[in-house]
C-alpha cells in the first residue's frame, strides 16, 4: 500500500515494526530477515489489538479520502479520469 493512502496509525505501526526488525537483525545478524520482520509485524499487531482493540488496517478512512473516492467514482461515470 502506498504510504499516502495509509491512515497515520497504520503508517506508524509499519514504521515501528520495521525499526524493531532492524534492531533485532543488528543484534542477531544470523537471523533470517523475513522471519524477523514477520515476527515483529505479528507482535506489533497483537499489541495494537490488545491495547486499542482495532487493527491498523481497520482504521476508519479519513473524510478527505472518502470525498476523493466519491469524486473519482463520479468522474468515471461521466467518462472523466482523475490522476491516480
C-alpha atoms as a PDB file:
ATOM      1  CA  UNK A   1       0.000   0.000   0.000  1.00  0.00           C
ATOM      2  CA  UNK A   2       1.284   3.442  -0.876  1.00  0.00           C
ATOM      3  CA  UNK A   3       2.059   5.496   2.232  1.00  0.00           C
ATOM      4  CA  UNK A   4      -0.136   8.439   1.162  1.00  0.00           C
ATOM      5  CA  UNK A   5      -3.147   6.119   1.331  1.00  0.00           C
ATOM      6  CA  UNK A   6      -2.380   4.826   4.803  1.00  0.00           C
ATOM      7  CA  UNK A   7      -4.035   6.056   7.945  1.00  0.00           C
ATOM      8  CA  UNK A   8      -1.472   7.581  10.286  1.00  0.00           C
ATOM      9  CA  UNK A   9      -1.876   4.752  12.805  1.00  0.00           C
ATOM     10  CA  UNK A  10      -1.167   2.169  10.128  1.00  0.00           C
ATOM     11  CA  UNK A  11       1.887   4.108   8.916  1.00  0.00           C
ATOM     12  CA  UNK A  12       3.235   4.401  12.471  1.00  0.00           C
ATOM     13  CA  UNK A  13       2.687   0.676  13.076  1.00  0.00           C
ATOM     14  CA  UNK A  14       4.577  -0.118   9.881  1.00  0.00           C
ATOM     15  CA  UNK A  15       7.443   2.183  10.848  1.00  0.00           C
ATOM     16  CA  UNK A  16       7.609   0.710  14.360  1.00  0.00           C
ATOM     17  CA  UNK A  17       7.583  -2.846  13.007  1.00  0.00           C
ATOM     18  CA  UNK A  18      10.402  -2.050  10.596  1.00  0.00           C
ATOM     19  CA  UNK A  19      12.504  -0.336  13.270  1.00  0.00           C
ATOM     20  CA  UNK A  20      12.111  -3.266  15.661  1.00  0.00           C
ATOM     21  CA  UNK A  21      13.004  -5.811  12.978  1.00  0.00           C
ATOM     22  CA  UNK A  22      16.103  -3.810  12.005  1.00  0.00           C
ATOM     23  CA  UNK A  23      17.189  -3.578  15.632  1.00  0.00           C
ATOM     24  CA  UNK A  24      16.796  -7.335  16.159  1.00  0.00           C
ATOM     25  CA  UNK A  25      18.780  -8.049  12.977  1.00  0.00           C
ATOM     26  CA  UNK A  26      21.564  -5.757  14.208  1.00  0.00           C
ATOM     27  CA  UNK A  27      21.750  -7.663  17.487  1.00  0.00           C
ATOM     28  CA  UNK A  28      21.364 -11.106  15.860  1.00  0.00           C
ATOM     29  CA  UNK A  29      22.897 -10.892  12.366  1.00  0.00           C
ATOM     30  CA  UNK A  30      22.474 -14.605  11.613  1.00  0.00           C
ATOM     31  CA  UNK A  31      18.667 -14.487  11.754  1.00  0.00           C
ATOM     32  CA  UNK A  32      16.607 -14.628   8.554  1.00  0.00           C
ATOM     33  CA  UNK A  33      15.303 -11.124   7.788  1.00  0.00           C
ATOM     34  CA  UNK A  34      11.848 -12.196   6.592  1.00  0.00           C
ATOM     35  CA  UNK A  35      11.093 -14.270   9.685  1.00  0.00           C
ATOM     36  CA  UNK A  36      12.265 -11.425  11.945  1.00  0.00           C
ATOM     37  CA  UNK A  37      10.049  -8.959  10.049  1.00  0.00           C
ATOM     38  CA  UNK A  38       7.080 -11.345  10.212  1.00  0.00           C
ATOM     39  CA  UNK A  39       7.547 -11.836  13.947  1.00  0.00           C
ATOM     40  CA  UNK A  40       7.843  -8.080  14.585  1.00  0.00           C
ATOM     41  CA  UNK A  41       4.703  -7.455  12.493  1.00  0.00           C
ATOM     42  CA  UNK A  42       2.783 -10.123  14.414  1.00  0.00           C
ATOM     43  CA  UNK A  43       3.852  -8.761  17.800  1.00  0.00           C
ATOM     44  CA  UNK A  44       3.034  -5.162  16.808  1.00  0.00           C
ATOM     45  CA  UNK A  45      -0.417  -6.092  15.534  1.00  0.00           C
ATOM     46  CA  UNK A  46      -1.113  -8.213  18.635  1.00  0.00           C
ATOM     47  CA  UNK A  47      -0.179  -5.311  20.916  1.00  0.00           C
ATOM     48  CA  UNK A  48      -2.332  -2.876  18.934  1.00  0.00           C
ATOM     49  CA  UNK A  49      -5.320  -5.193  19.054  1.00  0.00           C
ATOM     50  CA  UNK A  50      -4.860  -5.724  22.795  1.00  0.00           C
ATOM     51  CA  UNK A  51      -4.415  -2.009  23.584  1.00  0.00           C
ATOM     52  CA  UNK A  52      -6.698  -0.255  21.084  1.00  0.00           C
ATOM     53  CA  UNK A  53      -8.994  -3.080  20.092  1.00  0.00           C
ATOM     54  CA  UNK A  54      -8.609  -2.327  16.374  1.00  0.00           C
ATOM     55  CA  UNK A  55      -6.060  -3.341  13.787  1.00  0.00           C
ATOM     56  CA  UNK A  56      -4.207  -0.631  11.850  1.00  0.00           C
ATOM     57  CA  UNK A  57      -5.695  -1.667   8.508  1.00  0.00           C
ATOM     58  CA  UNK A  58      -9.192  -1.457  10.024  1.00  0.00           C
ATOM     59  CA  UNK A  59      -8.841   2.219  10.965  1.00  0.00           C
ATOM     60  CA  UNK A  60     -11.609   4.399   9.548  1.00  0.00           C
ATOM     61  CA  UNK A  61     -10.787   6.212   6.323  1.00  0.00           C
ATOM     62  CA  UNK A  62     -10.499   9.950   6.722  1.00  0.00           C
ATOM     63  CA  UNK A  63     -13.300  12.104   5.353  1.00  0.00           C
ATOM     64  CA  UNK A  64     -10.977  13.656   2.743  1.00  0.00           C
ATOM     65  CA  UNK A  65     -10.132  10.253   1.313  1.00  0.00           C
ATOM     66  CA  UNK A  66     -13.815   9.331   1.214  1.00  0.00           C
ATOM     67  CA  UNK A  67     -14.598  12.560  -0.656  1.00  0.00           C
ATOM     68  CA  UNK A  68     -11.821  11.868  -3.152  1.00  0.00           C
ATOM     69  CA  UNK A  69     -13.143   8.359  -3.712  1.00  0.00           C
ATOM     70  CA  UNK A  70     -16.641   9.764  -4.376  1.00  0.00           C
ATOM     71  CA  UNK A  71     -15.240  12.321  -6.853  1.00  0.00           C
ATOM     72  CA  UNK A  72     -13.309   9.618  -8.694  1.00  0.00           C
ATOM     73  CA  UNK A  73     -16.422   7.442  -8.872  1.00  0.00           C
ATOM     74  CA  UNK A  74     -18.463  10.352 -10.263  1.00  0.00           C
ATOM     75  CA  UNK A  75     -15.771  11.192 -12.806  1.00  0.00           C
ATOM     76  CA  UNK A  76     -15.706   7.618 -14.087  1.00  0.00           C
ATOM     77  CA  UNK A  77     -19.472   7.683 -14.579  1.00  0.00           C
ATOM     78  CA  UNK A  78     -19.034  10.826 -16.686  1.00  0.00           C
ATOM     79  CA  UNK A  79     -16.068   9.318 -18.556  1.00  0.00           C
ATOM     80  CA  UNK A  80     -13.646  11.786 -16.975  1.00  0.00           C
ATOM     81  CA  UNK A  81     -10.431  10.486 -15.485  1.00  0.00           C
ATOM     82  CA  UNK A  82      -8.638  11.955 -12.491  1.00  0.00           C
ATOM     83  CA  UNK A  83      -4.955  11.364 -11.938  1.00  0.00           C
ATOM     84  CA  UNK A  84      -4.344   8.349  -9.754  1.00  0.00           C
END
